[in-house]
Amino acid sequence: MTKIKFGPMEEINFLCLFLAKFDQKAYEFFDIDKSNNQIHEDIAMRYKINSMNVIKNIRDEYDSFFPFNSEDGTGSNRVGWKRKLDKKKKNIYDLYRDINFEEAKTICNEILTKRAVYYQDATSSKKYDDVNLSKIKIRQFTDEGHERYSYFFNQAYFDPKNYEYDINLLLDDKYTEIIDDQTYLDQNLNFTNQYQFAKYLNEKLENCFNENLVNENKKLFDWLTYLYFKSLFPGPNGGKDWPRYFLTNEGNNSYRHLVKIPIELFREYGDLSKVFLSNVINSGSDLIEQSTSNQGNDFFNKNTLKLTNELFLIEDGEVLRTKKGAKMIKGKGSFRRLKKILKNYMINYHLASMDYRDLKDKIFDYTDEFNQWVE
């Protein structure tokens, strides 16, 4: 059977590889009486994708890896797109490029009959017609709901302007379970920045924190993501990177989640998290990624955050901005430069337990490059 646990994107990639490798045999497996484009449309509809061209284009990407082979009849004469596969497509190719037709059919049947259909439950949706979206009890996904969320995201990923937001997935007891029936969340709120978002959610999640229901709870964090999905997706420049919307430990990507990380930073550091949470809520923080991706959480403590705020934060009422130095990729006076210097001090000092004035004096005695950011 399957060699990896398929999510919806892996399923689509496998189905398209199947079409590319076995061509007409594969199309006939789906439906002998339908055209190729009708098959593409059928697959797209299973995943709530509005354009069959998404399926055709992925098949085209695999076509160049499966030229016609007269010995075994695999492949086709289609030229395909001669370009490098992205990570998810390449993973499927590496695992299944040598699969035979019967094994491939077995996997396709598994996908099509057990997992691939994301649908809206029209019969139960009516009971939510009058729901007050400004007063929603705190829930988390069930296993089935969390899986269905992955199919929803797949639809939104391929068609970010026309995805269908399913209220059942947010509220139905089949897909979610209440974990705090005393506290309500307001889906209609607008937040100026991640700091406001994190502060609000921390206040609302207090009971859940007290019951140890929050830490590393991907079913909660991803439900919260779905609750505010229309505000979080896509990113300011059309970004759709999946680790921002799915909590995962794969490749140390958990620090990129748009809900989990702001919540945790605010809970641990309060107002000191402002410099890291100054962006709009649908944008990741470069400062967080620079601090976490290379060093784990060693950089984060009250002293280093206080210094980073003092150097790089601009605060104007509720509006938060960062100075040029926080955005500089490299060079003297940049945040990256500060991080490098502090990392060197970590060898001989425990920065978290130092007197803040002593730490700051050491940095400014070592170099004057940060003077430009101090008023």
Protein backbone atom coordinates (compact mmCIF):
# COMPACT_ATOMS: atom_id res chain seq x y z
CA MET A 1 0.00 0.00 0.00
CA THR A 2 1.15 3.57 0.45
CA LYS A 3 4.74 4.08 1.53
CA ILE A 4 3.99 7.41 3.19
CA LYS A 5 0.98 8.90 4.91
CA PHE A 6 -0.74 10.81 2.15
CA GLY A 7 -2.13 14.27 2.68
CA PRO A 8 -4.25 15.84 -0.06
CA MET A 9 -1.28 17.34 -1.92
CA GLU A 10 0.52 14.00 -1.91
CA GLU A 11 -2.65 12.35 -3.19
CA ILE A 12 -2.97 14.76 -6.10
CA ASN A 13 0.71 14.41 -6.95
CA PHE A 14 0.44 10.62 -6.95
CA LEU A 15 -2.66 10.63 -9.16
CA CYS A 16 -0.90 12.92 -11.63
CA LEU A 17 2.23 10.75 -11.62
CA PHE A 18 -0.06 7.78 -12.30
CA LEU A 19 -1.51 9.60 -15.35
CA ALA A 20 1.94 10.58 -16.61
CA LYS A 21 3.52 7.16 -16.22
CA PHE A 22 0.69 4.94 -17.47
CA ASP A 23 -1.03 7.40 -19.80
CA GLN A 24 -4.11 5.88 -21.49
CA LYS A 25 -4.18 2.82 -19.23
CA ALA A 26 -4.41 5.20 -16.31
CA TYR A 27 -7.12 7.33 -17.92
CA GLU A 28 -9.14 4.22 -18.71
CA PHE A 29 -8.78 3.12 -15.09
CA PHE A 30 -10.61 6.29 -14.04
CA ASP A 31 -13.33 6.04 -16.72
CA ILE A 32 -12.99 4.41 -20.13
CA ASP A 33 -15.80 6.55 -21.57
CA LYS A 34 -14.44 9.94 -20.57
CA SER A 35 -11.90 12.19 -22.26
CA ASN A 36 -8.60 13.08 -20.64
CA ASN A 37 -9.87 16.55 -19.76
CA GLN A 38 -12.99 15.09 -18.18
CA ILE A 39 -10.77 12.91 -15.99
CA HIS A 40 -8.77 15.98 -15.00
CA GLU A 41 -12.02 17.72 -14.11
CA ASP A 42 -13.24 14.75 -12.06
CA ILE A 43 -10.04 14.70 -10.02
CA ALA A 44 -10.19 18.47 -9.53
CA MET A 45 -13.78 18.25 -8.31
CA ARG A 46 -12.87 15.63 -5.70
CA TYR A 47 -10.55 18.19 -4.15
CA LYS A 48 -12.89 21.16 -4.65
CA ILE A 49 -10.42 22.66 -7.15
CA ASN A 50 -12.23 24.89 -9.61
CA SER A 51 -9.90 24.43 -12.58
CA MET A 52 -9.01 21.12 -14.21
CA ASN A 53 -5.85 22.84 -15.49
CA VAL A 54 -4.30 22.42 -12.04
CA ILE A 55 -4.40 18.63 -12.53
CA LYS A 56 -3.24 18.82 -16.15
CA ASN A 57 -0.34 21.10 -15.21
CA ILE A 58 0.91 18.76 -12.47
CA ARG A 59 0.66 15.82 -14.87
CA ASP A 60 2.66 17.89 -17.39
CA GLU A 61 5.39 18.34 -14.79
CA TYR A 62 5.70 14.57 -14.43
CA ASP A 63 5.43 13.92 -18.19
CA SER A 64 9.04 14.90 -18.85
CA PHE A 65 10.18 12.20 -16.41
CA PHE A 66 8.20 9.47 -18.19
CA PRO A 67 8.98 9.49 -21.93
CA PHE A 68 7.36 6.72 -23.96
CA ASN A 69 9.01 3.34 -23.32
CA SER A 70 8.23 0.85 -26.11
CA GLU A 71 9.42 -2.10 -24.03
CA ASP A 72 6.84 -1.83 -21.25
CA GLY A 73 4.40 0.65 -22.80
CA THR A 74 4.76 3.21 -20.03
CA GLY A 75 5.07 6.93 -20.50
CA SER A 76 3.81 9.03 -23.39
CA ASN A 77 4.96 11.19 -26.29
CA ARG A 78 4.01 14.35 -24.44
CA VAL A 79 7.05 16.57 -23.89
CA GLY A 80 5.88 17.90 -20.54
CA TRP A 81 7.44 20.71 -18.58
CA LYS A 82 11.17 20.30 -18.35
CA ARG A 83 11.70 21.85 -14.98
CA LYS A 84 12.75 20.85 -11.51
CA LEU A 85 10.03 19.31 -9.35
CA ASP A 86 9.22 20.97 -6.06
CA LYS A 87 9.93 19.06 -2.85
CA LYS A 88 6.52 17.41 -2.47
CA LYS A 89 6.31 16.32 -6.11
CA LYS A 90 9.88 15.05 -6.09
CA ASN A 91 9.21 13.02 -2.95
CA ILE A 92 6.34 11.24 -4.69
CA TYR A 93 8.46 10.72 -7.81
CA ASP A 94 11.40 9.27 -5.85
CA LEU A 95 9.12 6.86 -3.99
CA TYR A 96 6.94 5.69 -6.87
CA ARG A 97 8.74 6.17 -10.18
CA ASP A 98 9.32 2.39 -10.48
CA ILE A 99 5.85 1.31 -9.34
CA ASN A 100 4.01 -1.16 -11.55
CA PHE A 101 0.49 -0.62 -12.82
CA GLU A 102 -1.28 -3.02 -10.47
CA GLU A 103 0.38 -1.55 -7.38
CA ALA A 104 -0.42 1.95 -8.61
CA LYS A 105 -4.08 1.01 -9.15
CA THR A 106 -4.27 -0.28 -5.58
CA ILE A 107 -3.02 3.03 -4.22
CA CYS A 108 -5.36 4.98 -6.49
CA ASN A 109 -8.31 2.96 -5.26
CA GLU A 110 -7.26 3.61 -1.68
CA ILE A 111 -7.08 7.33 -2.37
CA LEU A 112 -10.31 7.57 -4.31
CA THR A 113 -12.48 5.44 -2.06
CA LYS A 114 -11.21 6.17 1.44
CA ARG A 115 -9.64 9.58 1.60
CA ALA A 116 -9.87 11.82 -1.42
CA VAL A 117 -13.37 13.24 -1.23
CA TYR A 118 -13.71 16.56 0.57
CA TYR A 119 -17.36 17.57 0.63
CA GLN A 120 -19.67 19.92 2.43
CA ASP A 121 -22.46 18.37 4.46
CA ALA A 122 -25.35 20.31 2.93
CA THR A 123 -27.95 18.65 5.15
CA SER A 124 -26.37 19.90 8.37
CA SER A 125 -25.16 23.30 7.18
CA LYS A 126 -28.62 24.84 7.56
CA LYS A 127 -28.48 24.64 11.34
CA TYR A 128 -25.62 27.14 11.29
CA ASP A 129 -27.38 29.73 9.15
CA ASP A 130 -28.08 31.95 12.15
CA VAL A 131 -24.91 31.28 14.11
CA ASN A 132 -23.38 34.30 15.86
CA LEU A 133 -19.80 34.37 14.59
CA SER A 134 -18.94 36.94 17.22
CA LYS A 135 -19.61 34.40 19.97
CA ILE A 136 -17.95 31.06 19.24
CA LYS A 137 -17.00 28.64 21.99
CA ILE A 138 -13.41 27.45 21.95
CA ARG A 139 -13.04 24.17 20.12
CA GLN A 140 -10.40 21.92 18.67
CA PHE A 141 -10.53 19.61 15.67
CA THR A 142 -11.36 15.95 16.02
CA ASP A 143 -9.18 13.54 14.03
CA GLU A 144 -11.71 13.58 11.20
CA GLY A 145 -12.00 17.36 11.35
CA HIS A 146 -8.25 17.85 11.28
CA GLU A 147 -7.96 15.64 8.22
CA ARG A 148 -10.81 17.49 6.56
CA TYR A 149 -9.07 20.79 7.30
CA SER A 150 -6.13 19.53 5.24
CA TYR A 151 -8.47 18.96 2.30
CA PHE A 152 -9.97 22.41 2.76
CA PHE A 153 -6.50 23.96 2.74
CA ASN A 154 -5.63 22.05 -0.40
CA GLN A 155 -8.64 23.64 -2.11
CA ALA A 156 -7.65 27.11 -0.87
CA TYR A 157 -4.02 26.56 -1.87
CA PHE A 158 -4.88 25.88 -5.50
CA ASP A 159 -7.64 28.50 -5.73
CA PRO A 160 -7.07 31.18 -3.07
CA LYS A 161 -9.69 33.55 -4.48
CA ASN A 162 -12.56 31.08 -4.79
CA TYR A 163 -12.29 28.56 -1.96
CA GLU A 164 -15.45 27.58 -0.07
CA TYR A 165 -15.34 28.23 3.67
CA ASP A 166 -17.30 25.45 5.37
CA ILE A 167 -19.02 26.50 8.60
CA ASN A 168 -19.57 22.82 9.43
CA LEU A 169 -15.84 22.32 9.69
CA LEU A 170 -15.68 25.13 12.23
CA LEU A 171 -18.61 24.17 14.46
CA ASP A 172 -20.00 20.69 13.79
CA ASP A 173 -19.51 18.14 16.58
CA LYS A 174 -18.43 15.60 13.98
CA TYR A 175 -15.37 17.67 13.15
CA THR A 176 -14.72 19.61 16.36
CA GLU A 177 -15.11 19.32 20.11
CA ILE A 178 -15.62 22.07 22.67
CA ILE A 179 -12.74 22.45 25.11
CA ASP A 180 -13.93 25.61 26.88
CA ASP A 181 -17.68 26.31 26.97
CA GLN A 182 -17.31 29.38 29.18
CA THR A 183 -15.22 31.52 26.83
CA TYR A 184 -16.15 32.91 23.43
CA LEU A 185 -14.10 34.01 20.44
CA ASP A 186 -15.09 36.68 17.93
CA GLN A 187 -14.37 35.72 14.32
CA ASN A 188 -15.29 39.20 13.11
CA LEU A 189 -12.54 41.05 14.92
CA ASN A 190 -9.81 42.79 12.97
CA PHE A 191 -6.31 42.95 14.39
CA THR A 192 -3.74 45.62 13.54
CA ASN A 193 -0.78 43.30 14.09
CA GLN A 194 0.31 39.94 15.44
CA TYR A 195 0.83 41.42 18.89
CA GLN A 196 -2.86 42.38 19.21
CA PHE A 197 -3.86 38.98 17.83
CA ALA A 198 -1.63 37.13 20.28
CA LYS A 199 -2.74 39.22 23.26
CA TYR A 200 -6.42 38.61 22.49
CA LEU A 201 -5.98 34.86 22.06
CA ASN A 202 -3.89 34.54 25.22
CA GLU A 203 -6.63 36.23 27.22
CA LYS A 204 -9.27 33.96 25.71
CA LEU A 205 -7.22 30.78 26.14
CA GLU A 206 -6.47 31.28 29.83
CA ASN A 207 -8.78 28.48 30.96
CA CYS A 208 -7.30 26.16 28.34
CA PHE A 209 -3.78 26.98 29.51
CA ASN A 210 -4.82 26.23 33.09
CA GLU A 211 -6.14 22.83 31.96
CA ASN A 212 -2.96 22.08 29.98
CA LEU A 213 -4.89 21.97 26.71
CA VAL A 214 -2.72 24.34 24.66
CA ASN A 215 0.92 23.30 24.47
CA GLU A 216 1.74 21.59 21.15
CA ASN A 217 -1.97 20.97 20.56
CA LYS A 218 -2.06 21.03 16.78
CA LYS A 219 -5.80 20.34 16.69
CA LEU A 220 -6.40 23.53 18.69
CA PHE A 221 -3.88 25.73 16.88
CA ASP A 222 -5.09 24.61 13.46
CA TRP A 223 -8.75 25.10 14.48
CA LEU A 224 -7.86 28.65 15.53
CA THR A 225 -6.17 29.06 12.17
CA TYR A 226 -9.35 27.94 10.45
CA LEU A 227 -11.44 30.26 12.63
CA TYR A 228 -9.42 33.26 11.42
CA PHE A 229 -8.50 31.78 8.05
CA LYS A 230 -9.98 34.63 6.03
CA SER A 231 -7.68 37.04 7.86
CA LEU A 232 -4.64 34.77 7.74
CA PHE A 233 -4.76 33.47 4.16
CA PRO A 234 -3.15 34.22 1.83
CA GLY A 235 -0.12 36.21 2.91
CA PRO A 236 0.35 39.89 1.95
CA ASN A 237 2.14 38.92 -1.27
CA GLY A 238 -0.03 35.89 -1.98
CA GLY A 239 2.02 33.53 0.19
CA LYS A 240 0.48 30.11 0.85
CA ASP A 241 3.30 28.26 2.59
CA TRP A 242 1.69 25.30 4.37
CA PRO A 243 3.74 25.38 7.63
CA ARG A 244 2.13 28.74 8.38
CA TYR A 245 -1.28 27.05 8.48
CA PHE A 246 -0.48 23.53 9.72
CA LEU A 247 1.35 22.86 12.95
CA THR A 248 4.12 20.39 12.25
CA ASN A 249 7.48 19.36 13.61
CA GLU A 250 8.69 18.40 10.14
CA GLY A 251 11.96 20.13 9.34
CA ASN A 252 11.68 22.30 12.44
CA ASN A 253 8.88 24.26 10.77
CA SER A 254 6.71 24.76 13.85
CA TYR A 255 8.20 28.22 14.43
CA ARG A 256 6.49 29.42 11.24
CA HIS A 257 2.89 28.78 12.34
CA LEU A 258 0.89 32.02 12.22
CA VAL A 259 -1.13 31.26 15.37
CA LYS A 260 1.04 29.10 17.62
CA ILE A 261 4.19 31.21 17.65
CA PRO A 262 2.57 34.60 18.39
CA ILE A 263 0.56 33.01 21.20
CA GLU A 264 3.64 31.42 22.76
CA LEU A 265 5.85 34.51 22.43
CA PHE A 266 3.26 36.77 24.04
CA ARG A 267 2.52 34.32 26.83
CA GLU A 268 6.19 33.98 27.70
CA TYR A 269 7.36 37.57 27.20
CA GLY A 270 4.30 39.84 27.15
CA ASP A 271 5.10 43.32 25.85
CA LEU A 272 8.68 42.28 25.10
CA SER A 273 7.31 40.26 22.19
CA LYS A 274 6.20 43.42 20.36
CA VAL A 275 9.26 43.75 18.13
CA PHE A 276 8.74 40.20 16.89
CA LEU A 277 4.97 40.58 16.48
CA SER A 278 4.78 43.94 14.71
CA ASN A 279 3.69 42.50 11.34
CA VAL A 280 0.13 42.09 10.09
CA ILE A 281 -1.33 38.77 11.21
CA ASN A 282 -1.12 37.04 7.82
CA SER A 283 2.61 37.62 7.55
CA GLY A 284 5.41 35.66 9.13
CA SER A 285 8.09 37.46 11.09
CA ASP A 286 11.57 37.60 9.61
CA LEU A 287 12.95 38.31 13.08
CA ILE A 288 11.38 35.14 14.45
CA GLU A 289 12.68 33.04 11.58
CA GLN A 290 16.16 34.55 11.85
CA SER A 291 16.19 33.88 15.60
CA THR A 292 14.72 30.40 15.64
CA SER A 293 15.73 28.59 12.47
CA ASN A 294 19.45 28.51 13.27
CA GLN A 295 19.54 28.57 17.05
CA GLY A 296 16.43 26.87 18.34
CA ASN A 297 14.97 28.96 21.15
CA ASP A 298 18.30 29.90 22.73
CA PHE A 299 18.02 33.48 21.54
CA PHE A 300 14.72 34.15 23.29
CA ASN A 301 15.00 35.47 26.83
CA LYS A 302 13.91 38.68 28.51
CA ASN A 303 17.30 40.35 28.19
CA THR A 304 17.79 39.73 24.48
CA LEU A 305 14.19 40.66 23.73
CA LYS A 306 14.43 43.85 25.78
CA LEU A 307 17.56 44.85 23.87
CA THR A 308 15.99 44.00 20.51
CA ASN A 309 12.92 46.09 21.36
CA GLU A 310 15.04 49.00 22.50
CA LEU A 311 17.10 48.99 19.33
CA PHE A 312 14.58 48.18 16.62
CA LEU A 313 10.97 48.80 17.72
CA ILE A 314 8.96 51.89 16.76
CA GLU A 315 5.73 52.16 18.74
CA ASP A 316 3.03 54.69 17.88
CA GLY A 317 -0.05 53.89 19.91
CA GLU A 318 -1.34 50.54 18.65
CA VAL A 319 0.79 50.75 15.52
CA LEU A 320 4.05 48.81 15.71
CA ARG A 321 6.89 49.06 13.21
CA THR A 322 10.51 48.01 13.10
CA LYS A 323 13.48 50.18 12.16
CA LYS A 324 15.61 49.64 9.10
CA GLY A 325 18.16 47.65 11.05
CA ALA A 326 15.62 44.92 11.76
CA LYS A 327 15.02 44.46 8.04
CA MET A 328 18.64 44.54 6.88
CA ILE A 329 19.80 41.18 5.59
CA LYS A 330 23.37 41.81 6.67
CA GLY A 331 25.76 44.55 7.63
CA LYS A 332 26.71 46.55 10.67
CA GLY A 333 23.83 47.55 12.89
CA SER A 334 21.52 44.84 11.55
CA PHE A 335 19.52 42.43 13.66
CA ARG A 336 21.47 39.56 12.14
CA ARG A 337 24.66 41.22 13.34
CA LEU A 338 23.22 41.64 16.86
CA LYS A 339 22.20 38.00 16.90
CA LYS A 340 25.71 36.94 15.86
CA ILE A 341 27.33 39.00 18.62
CA LEU A 342 24.93 37.70 21.24
CA LYS A 343 25.52 34.16 20.07
CA ASN A 344 29.25 34.63 20.69
CA TYR A 345 28.51 35.89 24.20
CA MET A 346 26.41 32.79 24.85
CA ILE A 347 29.62 30.76 24.89
CA ASN A 348 30.79 32.38 28.14
CA TYR A 349 27.67 33.99 29.60
CA HIS A 350 24.16 32.92 30.52
CA LEU A 351 22.40 35.86 28.90
CA ALA A 352 19.04 35.26 30.56
CA SER A 353 20.46 35.64 34.07
CA MET A 354 22.73 38.63 33.38
CA ASP A 355 21.87 42.10 34.61
CA TYR A 356 20.33 43.82 31.58
CA ARG A 357 22.51 46.92 31.93
CA ASP A 358 25.63 44.74 32.00
CA LEU A 359 24.58 42.95 28.83
CA LYS A 360 23.78 46.18 27.02
CA ASP A 361 27.07 47.76 28.12
CA LYS A 362 29.02 44.79 26.81
CA ILE A 363 27.38 45.12 23.39
CA PHE A 364 27.96 48.87 23.16
CA ASP A 365 31.52 48.60 24.49
CA TYR A 366 32.23 45.94 21.86
CA THR A 367 30.93 48.01 18.93
CA ASP A 368 29.33 51.37 18.18
CA GLU A 369 27.36 50.11 15.17
CA PHE A 370 24.06 50.04 17.07
CA ASN A 371 24.31 53.64 18.27
CA GLN A 372 22.38 54.72 15.17
CA TRP A 373 19.23 53.02 16.49
CA VAL A 374 19.31 54.56 19.98
CA GLU A 375 17.59 57.90 20.41
